[in-house]
PDB file of all heavy atoms in Angstrom:
ATOM      1  N   TRP A   1       7.306   8.588 -16.429  1.00  0.00           N
ATOM      2  CA  TRP A   1       8.252   9.689 -16.589  1.00  0.00           C
ATOM      3  C   TRP A   1       8.465  10.007 -18.066  1.00  0.00           C
ATOM      4  O   TRP A   1       8.465   9.085 -18.891  1.00  0.00           O
ATOM      5  CB  TRP A   1       9.586   9.329 -15.911  1.00  0.00           C
ATOM      6  CG  TRP A   1      10.468  10.535 -15.762  1.00  0.00           C
ATOM      7  CD1 TRP A   1      11.565  10.850 -16.513  1.00  0.00           C
ATOM      8  CD2 TRP A   1      10.290  11.604 -14.839  1.00  0.00           C
ATOM      9  NE1 TRP A   1      12.075  12.044 -16.121  1.00  0.00           N
ATOM     10  CE2 TRP A   1      11.316  12.541 -15.086  1.00  0.00           C
ATOM     11  CE3 TRP A   1       9.352  11.882 -13.844  1.00  0.00           C
ATOM     12  CZ2 TRP A   1      11.433  13.721 -14.365  1.00  0.00           C
ATOM     13  CZ3 TRP A   1       9.469  13.041 -13.121  1.00  0.00           C
ATOM     14  CH2 TRP A   1      10.506  13.951 -13.379  1.00  0.00           C
ATOM     15  N   PRO A   2       8.616  11.271 -18.469  1.00  0.00           N
ATOM     16  CA  PRO A   2       8.782  12.440 -17.612  1.00  0.00           C
ATOM     17  C   PRO A   2       7.453  13.025 -17.141  1.00  0.00           C
ATOM     18  O   PRO A   2       6.402  12.751 -17.729  1.00  0.00           O
ATOM     19  CB  PRO A   2       9.497  13.435 -18.524  1.00  0.00           C
ATOM     20  CG  PRO A   2       8.970  13.103 -19.887  1.00  0.00           C
ATOM     21  CD  PRO A   2       8.825  11.603 -19.905  1.00  0.00           C
ATOM     22  N   ALA A   3       7.522  13.860 -16.124  1.00  0.00           N
ATOM     23  CA  ALA A   3       6.340  14.564 -15.650  1.00  0.00           C
ATOM     24  C   ALA A   3       5.855  15.516 -16.735  1.00  0.00           C
ATOM     25  O   ALA A   3       6.653  16.160 -17.412  1.00  0.00           O
ATOM     26  CB  ALA A   3       6.660  15.328 -14.373  1.00  0.00           C
ATOM     27  N   ASP A   4       4.549  15.599 -16.881  1.00  0.00           N
ATOM     28  CA  ASP A   4       3.978  16.526 -17.858  1.00  0.00           C
ATOM     29  C   ASP A   4       3.867  17.931 -17.299  1.00  0.00           C
ATOM     30  O   ASP A   4       3.975  18.910 -18.050  1.00  0.00           O
ATOM     31  CB  ASP A   4       2.593  16.035 -18.284  1.00  0.00           C
ATOM     32  CG  ASP A   4       2.669  14.769 -19.111  1.00  0.00           C
ATOM     33  OD1 ASP A   4       2.906  14.886 -20.326  1.00  0.00           O
ATOM     34  OD2 ASP A   4       2.528  13.674 -18.549  1.00  0.00           O
ATOM     35  N   CYS A   5       3.631  18.052 -15.991  1.00  0.00           N
ATOM     36  CA  CYS A   5       3.454  19.379 -15.416  1.00  0.00           C
ATOM     37  C   CYS A   5       3.743  19.369 -13.921  1.00  0.00           C
ATOM     38  O   CYS A   5       3.095  18.645 -13.166  1.00  0.00           O
ATOM     39  CB  CYS A   5       2.031  19.872 -15.661  1.00  0.00           C
ATOM     40  SG  CYS A   5       1.719  21.523 -15.029  1.00  0.00           S
ATOM     41  N   HIS A   6       4.733  20.169 -13.495  1.00  0.00           N
ATOM     42  CA  HIS A   6       4.972  20.433 -12.074  1.00  0.00           C
ATOM     43  C   HIS A   6       4.306  21.767 -11.737  1.00  0.00           C
ATOM     44  O   HIS A   6       4.641  22.803 -12.330  1.00  0.00           O
ATOM     45  CB  HIS A   6       6.471  20.555 -11.770  1.00  0.00           C
ATOM     46  CG  HIS A   6       7.239  19.285 -11.885  1.00  0.00           C
ATOM     47  ND1 HIS A   6       6.786  18.078 -11.401  1.00  0.00           N
ATOM     48  CD2 HIS A   6       8.479  19.019 -12.396  1.00  0.00           C
ATOM     49  CE1 HIS A   6       7.689  17.132 -11.620  1.00  0.00           C
ATOM     50  NE2 HIS A   6       8.727  17.681 -12.228  1.00  0.00           N
ATOM     51  N   VAL A   7       3.357  21.774 -10.815  1.00  0.00           N
ATOM     52  CA  VAL A   7       2.735  23.014 -10.348  1.00  0.00           C
ATOM     53  C   VAL A   7       3.499  23.489  -9.115  1.00  0.00           C
ATOM     54  O   VAL A   7       3.630  22.747  -8.135  1.00  0.00           O
ATOM     55  CB  VAL A   7       1.249  22.802  -9.996  1.00  0.00           C
ATOM     56  CG1 VAL A   7       0.626  24.100  -9.478  1.00  0.00           C
ATOM     57  CG2 VAL A   7       0.478  22.287 -11.205  1.00  0.00           C
ATOM     58  N   VAL A   8       4.018  24.716  -9.142  1.00  0.00           N
ATOM     59  CA  VAL A   8       4.845  25.223  -8.040  1.00  0.00           C
ATOM     60  C   VAL A   8       4.532  26.689  -7.764  1.00  0.00           C
ATOM     61  O   VAL A   8       4.021  27.406  -8.627  1.00  0.00           O
ATOM     62  CB  VAL A   8       6.354  25.083  -8.347  1.00  0.00           C
ATOM     63  CG1 VAL A   8       6.722  23.644  -8.651  1.00  0.00           C
ATOM     64  CG2 VAL A   8       6.772  25.994  -9.500  1.00  0.00           C
ATOM     65  N   GLY A   9       4.862  27.147  -6.552  1.00  0.00           N
ATOM     66  CA  GLY A   9       4.793  28.563  -6.216  1.00  0.00           C
ATOM     67  C   GLY A   9       6.065  29.260  -6.639  1.00  0.00           C
ATOM     68  O   GLY A   9       7.119  28.635  -6.792  1.00  0.00           O
ATOM     69  N   LYS A  10       5.997  30.571  -6.821  1.00  0.00           N
ATOM     70  CA  LYS A  10       7.141  31.309  -7.353  1.00  0.00           C
ATOM     71  C   LYS A  10       8.338  31.302  -6.401  1.00  0.00           C
ATOM     72  O   LYS A  10       9.479  31.480  -6.840  1.00  0.00           O
ATOM     73  CB  LYS A  10       6.743  32.741  -7.672  1.00  0.00           C
ATOM     74  CG  LYS A  10       6.349  33.597  -6.473  1.00  0.00           C
ATOM     75  CD  LYS A  10       5.954  35.004  -6.906  1.00  0.00           C
ATOM     76  CE  LYS A  10       5.580  35.881  -5.730  1.00  0.00           C
ATOM     77  NZ  LYS A  10       5.178  37.248  -6.136  1.00  0.00           N
ATOM     78  N   ASP A  11       8.100  31.047  -5.099  1.00  0.00           N
ATOM     79  CA  ASP A  11       9.206  31.047  -4.146  1.00  0.00           C
ATOM     80  C   ASP A  11      10.112  29.837  -4.299  1.00  0.00           C
ATOM     81  O   ASP A  11      11.245  29.838  -3.818  1.00  0.00           O
ATOM     82  CB  ASP A  11       8.668  31.124  -2.707  1.00  0.00           C
ATOM     83  CG  ASP A  11       7.705  29.996  -2.390  1.00  0.00           C
ATOM     84  OD1 ASP A  11       6.941  29.591  -3.291  1.00  0.00           O
ATOM     85  OD2 ASP A  11       7.698  29.524  -1.245  1.00  0.00           O
ATOM     86  N   ILE A  12       9.618  28.792  -4.959  1.00  0.00           N
ATOM     87  CA  ILE A  12      10.445  27.582  -5.146  1.00  0.00           C
ATOM     88  C   ILE A  12      10.713  27.310  -6.625  1.00  0.00           C
ATOM     89  O   ILE A  12      11.081  26.204  -7.006  1.00  0.00           O
ATOM     90  CB  ILE A  12       9.797  26.348  -4.477  1.00  0.00           C
ATOM     91  CG1 ILE A  12       8.366  26.123  -4.989  1.00  0.00           C
ATOM     92  CG2 ILE A  12       9.799  26.495  -2.960  1.00  0.00           C
ATOM     93  CD1 ILE A  12       7.735  24.829  -4.473  1.00  0.00           C
ATOM     94  N   LEU A  13      10.551  28.340  -7.459  1.00  0.00           N
ATOM     95  CA  LEU A  13      10.771  28.170  -8.894  1.00  0.00           C
ATOM     96  C   LEU A  13      12.220  27.824  -9.202  1.00  0.00           C
ATOM     97  O   LEU A  13      12.498  26.981 -10.056  1.00  0.00           O
ATOM     98  CB  LEU A  13      10.355  29.446  -9.624  1.00  0.00           C
ATOM     99  CG  LEU A  13      10.513  29.439 -11.145  1.00  0.00           C
ATOM    100  CD1 LEU A  13       9.726  28.309 -11.778  1.00  0.00           C
ATOM    101  CD2 LEU A  13      10.080  30.783 -11.736  1.00  0.00           C
ATOM    102  N   LYS A  14      13.172  28.470  -8.504  1.00  0.00           N
ATOM    103  CA  LYS A  14      14.593  28.205  -8.756  1.00  0.00           C
ATOM    104  C   LYS A  14      14.925  26.721  -8.595  1.00  0.00           C
ATOM    105  O   LYS A  14      15.648  26.147  -9.420  1.00  0.00           O
ATOM    106  CB  LYS A  14      15.450  29.023  -7.792  1.00  0.00           C
ATOM    107  CG  LYS A  14      16.937  28.682  -7.840  1.00  0.00           C
ATOM    108  CD  LYS A  14      17.745  29.552  -6.896  1.00  0.00           C
ATOM    109  CE  LYS A  14      17.427  29.279  -5.433  1.00  0.00           C
ATOM    110  NZ  LYS A  14      18.292  30.059  -4.518  1.00  0.00           N
ATOM    111  N   PHE A  15      14.396  26.113  -7.559  1.00  0.00           N
ATOM    112  CA  PHE A  15      14.711  24.719  -7.282  1.00  0.00           C
ATOM    113  C   PHE A  15      14.152  23.792  -8.363  1.00  0.00           C
ATOM    114  O   PHE A  15      14.781  22.795  -8.708  1.00  0.00           O
ATOM    115  CB  PHE A  15      14.156  24.321  -5.908  1.00  0.00           C
ATOM    116  CG  PHE A  15      14.627  25.225  -4.806  1.00  0.00           C
ATOM    117  CD1 PHE A  15      13.802  26.202  -4.280  1.00  0.00           C
ATOM    118  CD2 PHE A  15      15.922  25.125  -4.308  1.00  0.00           C
ATOM    119  CE1 PHE A  15      14.233  27.056  -3.273  1.00  0.00           C
ATOM    120  CE2 PHE A  15      16.375  25.972  -3.308  1.00  0.00           C
ATOM    121  CZ  PHE A  15      15.535  26.939  -2.793  1.00  0.00           C
ATOM    122  N   HIS A  16      12.975  24.139  -8.899  1.00  0.00           N
ATOM    123  CA  HIS A  16      12.338  23.289  -9.907  1.00  0.00           C
ATOM    124  C   HIS A  16      12.807  23.574 -11.327  1.00  0.00           C
ATOM    125  O   HIS A  16      12.777  22.678 -12.169  1.00  0.00           O
ATOM    126  CB  HIS A  16      10.816  23.452  -9.830  1.00  0.00           C
ATOM    127  CG  HIS A  16      10.199  22.784  -8.650  1.00  0.00           C
ATOM    128  ND1 HIS A  16      10.196  23.353  -7.391  1.00  0.00           N
ATOM    129  CD2 HIS A  16       9.599  21.576  -8.524  1.00  0.00           C
ATOM    130  CE1 HIS A  16       9.592  22.529  -6.541  1.00  0.00           C
ATOM    131  NE2 HIS A  16       9.224  21.449  -7.201  1.00  0.00           N
ATOM    132  N   ALA A  17      13.224  24.803 -11.586  1.00  0.00           N
ATOM    133  CA  ALA A  17      13.582  25.178 -12.952  1.00  0.00           C
ATOM    134  C   ALA A  17      15.083  25.272 -13.179  1.00  0.00           C
ATOM    135  O   ALA A  17      15.521  25.477 -14.317  1.00  0.00           O
ATOM    136  CB  ALA A  17      12.927  26.513 -13.312  1.00  0.00           C
ATOM    137  N   VAL A  18      15.885  25.117 -12.115  1.00  0.00           N
ATOM    138  CA  VAL A  18      17.344  25.128 -12.256  1.00  0.00           C
ATOM    139  C   VAL A  18      17.944  23.854 -11.658  1.00  0.00           C
ATOM    140  O   VAL A  18      18.569  23.060 -12.370  1.00  0.00           O
ATOM    141  CB  VAL A  18      17.966  26.379 -11.589  1.00  0.00           C
ATOM    142  CG1 VAL A  18      19.492  26.356 -11.743  1.00  0.00           C
ATOM    143  CG2 VAL A  18      17.408  27.658 -12.216  1.00  0.00           C
ATOM    144  N   TYR A  19      17.767  23.658 -10.363  1.00  0.00           N
ATOM    145  CA  TYR A  19      18.379  22.506  -9.703  1.00  0.00           C
ATOM    146  C   TYR A  19      17.838  21.185 -10.230  1.00  0.00           C
ATOM    147  O   TYR A  19      18.602  20.273 -10.582  1.00  0.00           O
ATOM    148  CB  TYR A  19      18.157  22.559  -8.190  1.00  0.00           C
ATOM    149  CG  TYR A  19      18.806  23.724  -7.479  1.00  0.00           C
ATOM    150  CD1 TYR A  19      18.610  23.918  -6.118  1.00  0.00           C
ATOM    151  CD2 TYR A  19      19.619  24.641  -8.150  1.00  0.00           C
ATOM    152  CE1 TYR A  19      19.198  24.982  -5.447  1.00  0.00           C
ATOM    153  CE2 TYR A  19      20.203  25.710  -7.497  1.00  0.00           C
ATOM    154  CZ  TYR A  19      19.983  25.887  -6.141  1.00  0.00           C
ATOM    155  OH  TYR A  19      20.548  26.933  -5.482  1.00  0.00           O
ATOM    156  N   TRP A  20      16.506  21.060 -10.277  1.00  0.00           N
ATOM    157  CA  TRP A  20      15.896  19.781 -10.648  1.00  0.00           C
ATOM    158  C   TRP A  20      16.251  19.346 -12.068  1.00  0.00           C
ATOM    159  O   TRP A  20      16.701  18.205 -12.274  1.00  0.00           O
ATOM    160  CB  TRP A  20      14.380  19.867 -10.456  1.00  0.00           C
ATOM    161  CG  TRP A  20      13.578  18.645 -10.781  1.00  0.00           C
ATOM    162  CD1 TRP A  20      12.426  18.582 -11.505  1.00  0.00           C
ATOM    163  CD2 TRP A  20      13.834  17.285 -10.387  1.00  0.00           C
ATOM    164  NE1 TRP A  20      11.946  17.309 -11.596  1.00  0.00           N
ATOM    165  CE2 TRP A  20      12.803  16.477 -10.908  1.00  0.00           C
ATOM    166  CE3 TRP A  20      14.846  16.673  -9.645  1.00  0.00           C
ATOM    167  CZ2 TRP A  20      12.744  15.100 -10.717  1.00  0.00           C
ATOM    168  CZ3 TRP A  20      14.790  15.289  -9.451  1.00  0.00           C
ATOM    169  CH2 TRP A  20      13.760  14.517  -9.974  1.00  0.00           C
ATOM    170  N   PRO A  21      16.092  20.187 -13.089  1.00  0.00           N
ATOM    171  CA  PRO A  21      16.492  19.731 -14.422  1.00  0.00           C
ATOM    172  C   PRO A  21      17.989  19.436 -14.528  1.00  0.00           C
ATOM    173  O   PRO A  21      18.391  18.564 -15.298  1.00  0.00           O
ATOM    174  CB  PRO A  21      16.083  20.897 -15.332  1.00  0.00           C
ATOM    175  CG  PRO A  21      15.928  22.060 -14.429  1.00  0.00           C
ATOM    176  CD  PRO A  21      15.477  21.518 -13.131  1.00  0.00           C
ATOM    177  N   ALA A  22      18.814  20.146 -13.744  1.00  0.00           N
ATOM    178  CA  ALA A  22      20.258  19.856 -13.772  1.00  0.00           C
ATOM    179  C   ALA A  22      20.530  18.461 -13.204  1.00  0.00           C
ATOM    180  O   ALA A  22      21.351  17.710 -13.757  1.00  0.00           O
ATOM    181  CB  ALA A  22      21.020  20.911 -12.982  1.00  0.00           C
ATOM    182  N   PHE A  23      19.880  18.105 -12.106  1.00  0.00           N
ATOM    183  CA  PHE A  23      20.036  16.753 -11.551  1.00  0.00           C
ATOM    184  C   PHE A  23      19.612  15.703 -12.574  1.00  0.00           C
ATOM    185  O   PHE A  23      20.281  14.667 -12.744  1.00  0.00           O
ATOM    186  CB  PHE A  23      19.176  16.580 -10.288  1.00  0.00           C
ATOM    187  CG  PHE A  23      19.589  17.444  -9.122  1.00  0.00           C
ATOM    188  CD1 PHE A  23      18.644  17.882  -8.202  1.00  0.00           C
ATOM    189  CD2 PHE A  23      20.905  17.824  -8.922  1.00  0.00           C
ATOM    190  CE1 PHE A  23      18.996  18.672  -7.117  1.00  0.00           C
ATOM    191  CE2 PHE A  23      21.289  18.617  -7.849  1.00  0.00           C
ATOM    192  CZ  PHE A  23      20.325  19.043  -6.944  1.00  0.00           C
ATOM    193  N   LEU A  24      18.510  15.969 -13.261  1.00  0.00           N
ATOM    194  CA  LEU A  24      18.005  15.010 -14.251  1.00  0.00           C
ATOM    195  C   LEU A  24      18.951  14.895 -15.439  1.00  0.00           C
ATOM    196  O   LEU A  24      19.206  13.787 -15.941  1.00  0.00           O
ATOM    197  CB  LEU A  24      16.617  15.433 -14.723  1.00  0.00           C
ATOM    198  CG  LEU A  24      15.497  15.356 -13.668  1.00  0.00           C
ATOM    199  CD1 LEU A  24      14.230  16.048 -14.167  1.00  0.00           C
ATOM    200  CD2 LEU A  24      15.192  13.894 -13.314  1.00  0.00           C
ATOM    201  N   LEU A  25      19.465  16.021 -15.912  1.00  0.00           N
ATOM    202  CA  LEU A  25      20.424  15.989 -17.018  1.00  0.00           C
ATOM    203  C   LEU A  25      21.660  15.177 -16.639  1.00  0.00           C
ATOM    204  O   LEU A  25      22.155  14.364 -17.431  1.00  0.00           O
ATOM    205  CB  LEU A  25      20.842  17.417 -17.389  1.00  0.00           C
ATOM    206  CG  LEU A  25      19.812  18.255 -18.153  1.00  0.00           C
ATOM    207  CD1 LEU A  25      20.236  19.724 -18.162  1.00  0.00           C
ATOM    208  CD2 LEU A  25      19.646  17.735 -19.587  1.00  0.00           C
ATOM    209  N   ALA A  26      22.144  15.381 -15.416  1.00  0.00           N
ATOM    210  CA  ALA A  26      23.329  14.648 -14.959  1.00  0.00           C
ATOM    211  C   ALA A  26      23.065  13.155 -14.868  1.00  0.00           C
ATOM    212  O   ALA A  26      23.960  12.339 -15.120  1.00  0.00           O
ATOM    213  CB  ALA A  26      23.770  15.192 -13.596  1.00  0.00           C
ATOM    214  N   ALA A  27      21.819  12.794 -14.517  1.00  0.00           N
ATOM    215  CA  ALA A  27      21.467  11.370 -14.375  1.00  0.00           C
ATOM    216  C   ALA A  27      21.055  10.741 -15.693  1.00  0.00           C
ATOM    217  O   ALA A  27      20.791   9.542 -15.752  1.00  0.00           O
ATOM    218  CB  ALA A  27      20.334  11.232 -13.358  1.00  0.00           C
ATOM    219  N   GLY A  28      20.998  11.547 -16.759  1.00  0.00           N
ATOM    220  CA  GLY A  28      20.604  11.008 -18.063  1.00  0.00           C
ATOM    221  C   GLY A  28      19.117  10.760 -18.179  1.00  0.00           C
ATOM    222  O   GLY A  28      18.690   9.903 -18.962  1.00  0.00           O
ATOM    223  N   LEU A  29      18.304  11.518 -17.446  1.00  0.00           N
ATOM    224  CA  LEU A  29      16.853  11.335 -17.456  1.00  0.00           C
ATOM    225  C   LEU A  29      16.174  12.489 -18.195  1.00  0.00           C
ATOM    226  O   LEU A  29      16.690  13.602 -18.255  1.00  0.00           O
ATOM    227  CB  LEU A  29      16.323  11.260 -16.022  1.00  0.00           C
ATOM    228  CG  LEU A  29      16.842  10.088 -15.189  1.00  0.00           C
ATOM    229  CD1 LEU A  29      16.431  10.233 -13.729  1.00  0.00           C
ATOM    230  CD2 LEU A  29      16.300   8.758 -15.751  1.00  0.00           C
ATOM    231  N   SER A  30      14.986  12.222 -18.739  1.00  0.00           N
ATOM    232  CA  SER A  30      14.231  13.239 -19.477  1.00  0.00           C
ATOM    233  C   SER A  30      13.777  14.356 -18.539  1.00  0.00           C
ATOM    234  O   SER A  30      13.557  14.135 -17.346  1.00  0.00           O
ATOM    235  CB  SER A  30      13.001  12.603 -20.135  1.00  0.00           C
ATOM    236  OG  SER A  30      13.389  11.590 -21.036  1.00  0.00           O
ATOM    237  N   LEU A  31      13.615  15.539 -19.100  1.00  0.00           N
ATOM    238  CA  LEU A  31      13.213  16.708 -18.316  1.00  0.00           C
ATOM    239  C   LEU A  31      11.696  16.870 -18.311  1.00  0.00           C
ATOM    240  O   LEU A  31      11.004  16.454 -19.243  1.00  0.00           O
ATOM    241  CB  LEU A  31      13.858  17.963 -18.881  1.00  0.00           C
ATOM    242  CG  LEU A  31      15.381  17.977 -18.957  1.00  0.00           C
ATOM    243  CD1 LEU A  31      15.876  19.352 -19.387  1.00  0.00           C
ATOM    244  CD2 LEU A  31      16.001  17.588 -17.626  1.00  0.00           C
ATOM    245  N   PRO A  32      11.153  17.499 -17.268  1.00  0.00           N
ATOM    246  CA  PRO A  32       9.710  17.765 -17.218  1.00  0.00           C
ATOM    247  C   PRO A  32       9.270  18.596 -18.422  1.00  0.00           C
ATOM    248  O   PRO A  32      10.032  19.406 -18.949  1.00  0.00           O
ATOM    249  CB  PRO A  32       9.537  18.556 -15.911  1.00  0.00           C
ATOM    250  CG  PRO A  32      10.746  18.226 -15.095  1.00  0.00           C
ATOM    251  CD  PRO A  32      11.849  17.990 -16.065  1.00  0.00           C
ATOM    252  N   LYS A  33       8.025  18.420 -18.826  1.00  0.00           N
ATOM    253  CA  LYS A  33       7.527  19.113 -20.007  1.00  0.00           C
ATOM    254  C   LYS A  33       7.041  20.521 -19.704  1.00  0.00           C
ATOM    255  O   LYS A  33       6.978  21.369 -20.600  1.00  0.00           O
ATOM    256  CB  LYS A  33       6.408  18.289 -20.646  1.00  0.00           C
ATOM    257  CG  LYS A  33       6.886  16.935 -21.159  1.00  0.00           C
ATOM    258  CD  LYS A  33       5.768  16.171 -21.828  1.00  0.00           C
ATOM    259  CE  LYS A  33       6.260  14.825 -22.355  1.00  0.00           C
ATOM    260  NZ  LYS A  33       5.184  14.049 -23.014  1.00  0.00           N
ATOM    261  N   LYS A  34       6.659  20.773 -18.443  1.00  0.00           N
ATOM    262  CA  LYS A  34       6.164  22.112 -18.106  1.00  0.00           C
ATOM    263  C   LYS A  34       6.349  22.368 -16.614  1.00  0.00           C
ATOM    264  O   LYS A  34       6.119  21.483 -15.789  1.00  0.00           O
ATOM    265  CB  LYS A  34       4.685  22.253 -18.461  1.00  0.00           C
ATOM    266  CG  LYS A  34       4.104  23.634 -18.171  1.00  0.00           C
ATOM    267  CD  LYS A  34       2.592  23.678 -18.376  1.00  0.00           C
ATOM    268  CE  LYS A  34       2.229  23.535 -19.829  1.00  0.00           C
ATOM    269  NZ  LYS A  34       0.758  23.689 -20.045  1.00  0.00           N
ATOM    270  N   ILE A  35       6.755  23.598 -16.295  1.00  0.00           N
ATOM    271  CA  ILE A  35       6.764  24.082 -14.918  1.00  0.00           C
ATOM    272  C   ILE A  35       5.697  25.176 -14.857  1.00  0.00           C
ATOM    273  O   ILE A  35       5.856  26.237 -15.435  1.00  0.00           O
ATOM    274  CB  ILE A  35       8.124  24.665 -14.504  1.00  0.00           C
ATOM    275  CG1 ILE A  35       9.256  23.666 -14.763  1.00  0.00           C
ATOM    276  CG2 ILE A  35       8.082  25.092 -13.035  1.00  0.00           C
ATOM    277  CD1 ILE A  35       9.222  22.436 -13.890  1.00  0.00           C
ATOM    278  N   LEU A  36       4.599  24.890 -14.183  1.00  0.00           N
ATOM    279  CA  LEU A  36       3.487  25.834 -14.082  1.00  0.00           C
ATOM    280  C   LEU A  36       3.603  26.573 -12.751  1.00  0.00           C
ATOM    281  O   LEU A  36       3.428  25.997 -11.687  1.00  0.00           O
ATOM    282  CB  LEU A  36       2.161  25.074 -14.162  1.00  0.00           C
ATOM    283  CG  LEU A  36       0.884  25.887 -14.312  1.00  0.00           C
ATOM    284  CD1 LEU A  36       0.941  26.769 -15.545  1.00  0.00           C
ATOM    285  CD2 LEU A  36      -0.319  24.949 -14.394  1.00  0.00           C
ATOM    286  N   CYS A  37       3.932  27.840 -12.833  1.00  0.00           N
ATOM    287  CA  CYS A  37       4.254  28.622 -11.637  1.00  0.00           C
ATOM    288  C   CYS A  37       3.117  29.589 -11.294  1.00  0.00           C
ATOM    289  O   CYS A  37       2.420  30.089 -12.184  1.00  0.00           O
ATOM    290  CB  CYS A  37       5.548  29.399 -11.886  1.00  0.00           C
ATOM    291  SG  CYS A  37       6.190  30.268 -10.440  1.00  0.00           S
ATOM    292  N   HIS A  38       2.933  29.844 -10.013  1.00  0.00           N
ATOM    293  CA  HIS A  38       1.916  30.817  -9.597  1.00  0.00           C
ATOM    294  C   HIS A  38       2.465  31.692  -8.473  1.00  0.00           C
ATOM    295  O   HIS A  38       3.457  31.377  -7.828  1.00  0.00           O
ATOM    296  CB  HIS A  38       0.634  30.116  -9.150  1.00  0.00           C
ATOM    297  CG  HIS A  38       0.791  29.256  -7.919  1.00  0.00           C
ATOM    298  ND1 HIS A  38       0.856  29.781  -6.647  1.00  0.00           N
ATOM    299  CD2 HIS A  38       0.897  27.910  -7.768  1.00  0.00           C
ATOM    300  CE1 HIS A  38       0.991  28.797  -5.773  1.00  0.00           C
ATOM    301  NE2 HIS A  38       1.023  27.656  -6.424  1.00  0.00           N
ATOM    302  N   SER A  39       1.778  32.789  -8.228  1.00  0.00           N
ATOM    303  CA  SER A  39       2.188  33.738  -7.199  1.00  0.00           C
ATOM    304  C   SER A  39       1.570  33.380  -5.851  1.00  0.00           C
ATOM    305  O   SER A  39       0.998  32.303  -5.686  1.00  0.00           O
ATOM    306  CB  SER A  39       1.809  35.155  -7.629  1.00  0.00           C
ATOM    307  OG  SER A  39       2.479  35.498  -8.824  1.00  0.00           O
ATOM    308  N   HIS A  40       1.665  34.306  -4.887  1.00  0.00           N
ATOM    309  CA  HIS A  40       1.273  34.020  -3.513  1.00  0.00           C
ATOM    310  C   HIS A  40      -0.081  34.614  -3.157  1.00  0.00           C
ATOM    311  O   HIS A  40      -0.663  35.392  -3.912  1.00  0.00           O
ATOM    312  CB  HIS A  40       2.341  34.560  -2.562  1.00  0.00           C
ATOM    313  CG  HIS A  40       3.650  33.862  -2.686  1.00  0.00           C
ATOM    314  ND1 HIS A  40       4.840  34.416  -2.281  1.00  0.00           N
ATOM    315  CD2 HIS A  40       3.974  32.636  -3.194  1.00  0.00           C
ATOM    316  CE1 HIS A  40       5.832  33.570  -2.515  1.00  0.00           C
ATOM    317  NE2 HIS A  40       5.336  32.497  -3.077  1.00  0.00           N
ATOM    318  N   TRP A  41      -0.545  34.265  -1.967  1.00  0.00           N
ATOM    319  CA  TRP A  41      -1.781  34.817  -1.426  1.00  0.00           C
ATOM    320  C   TRP A  41      -1.467  35.798  -0.305  1.00  0.00           C
ATOM    321  O   TRP A  41      -0.645  35.519   0.569  1.00  0.00           O
ATOM    322  CB  TRP A  41      -2.688  33.701  -0.892  1.00  0.00           C
ATOM    323  CG  TRP A  41      -3.473  33.049  -1.974  1.00  0.00           C
ATOM    324  CD1 TRP A  41      -3.081  32.007  -2.759  1.00  0.00           C
ATOM    325  CD2 TRP A  41      -4.772  33.419  -2.417  1.00  0.00           C
ATOM    326  NE1 TRP A  41      -4.052  31.700  -3.670  1.00  0.00           N
ATOM    327  CE2 TRP A  41      -5.110  32.546  -3.485  1.00  0.00           C
ATOM    328  CE3 TRP A  41      -5.683  34.392  -2.034  1.00  0.00           C
ATOM    329  CZ2 TRP A  41      -6.332  32.634  -4.152  1.00  0.00           C
ATOM    330  CZ3 TRP A  41      -6.892  34.477  -2.704  1.00  0.00           C
ATOM    331  CH2 TRP A  41      -7.217  33.603  -3.747  1.00  0.00           C
ATOM    332  N   LYS A  42      -2.135  36.928  -0.349  1.00  0.00           N
ATOM    333  CA  LYS A  42      -2.098  37.888   0.748  1.00  0.00           C
ATOM    334  C   LYS A  42      -3.468  37.901   1.434  1.00  0.00           C
ATOM    335  O   LYS A  42      -4.428  37.325   0.914  1.00  0.00           O
ATOM    336  CB  LYS A  42      -1.764  39.290   0.228  1.00  0.00           C
ATOM    337  CG  LYS A  42      -0.365  39.408  -0.369  1.00  0.00           C
ATOM    338  CD  LYS A  42      -0.097  40.829  -0.875  1.00  0.00           C
ATOM    339  CE  LYS A  42       1.320  40.952  -1.415  1.00  0.00           C
ATOM    340  NZ  LYS A  42       1.593  42.329  -1.914  1.00  0.00           N
ATOM    341  N   VAL A  43      -3.537  38.536   2.584  1.00  0.00           N
ATOM    342  CA  VAL A  43      -4.807  38.652   3.306  1.00  0.00           C
ATOM    343  C   VAL A  43      -5.130  40.129   3.473  1.00  0.00           C
ATOM    344  O   VAL A  43      -4.383  40.853   4.144  1.00  0.00           O
ATOM    345  CB  VAL A  43      -4.740  37.952   4.677  1.00  0.00           C
ATOM    346  CG1 VAL A  43      -6.069  38.111   5.417  1.00  0.00           C
ATOM    347  CG2 VAL A  43      -4.395  36.478   4.513  1.00  0.00           C
ATOM    348  N   ASP A  44      -6.210  40.565   2.835  1.00  0.00           N
ATOM    349  CA  ASP A  44      -6.582  41.981   2.847  1.00  0.00           C
ATOM    350  C   ASP A  44      -5.402  42.871   2.464  1.00  0.00           C
ATOM    351  O   ASP A  44      -5.151  43.921   3.059  1.00  0.00           O
ATOM    352  CB  ASP A  44      -7.127  42.387   4.220  1.00  0.00           C
ATOM    353  CG  ASP A  44      -8.449  41.693   4.539  1.00  0.00           C
ATOM    354  OD1 ASP A  44      -9.268  41.571   3.616  1.00  0.00           O
ATOM    355  OD2 ASP A  44      -8.649  41.283   5.688  1.00  0.00           O
TER     356      ASP A  44
END
């Protein structure tokens, strides 16, 4: 720890970029170094 890179989809960005670092800050733990976000897939 800390994680160097969390790969996430844009639909769960709030949870990883707001909730998760807040939990870590409250626990006195280091924050992730990068949140790598991507978009979704459509079909045709």
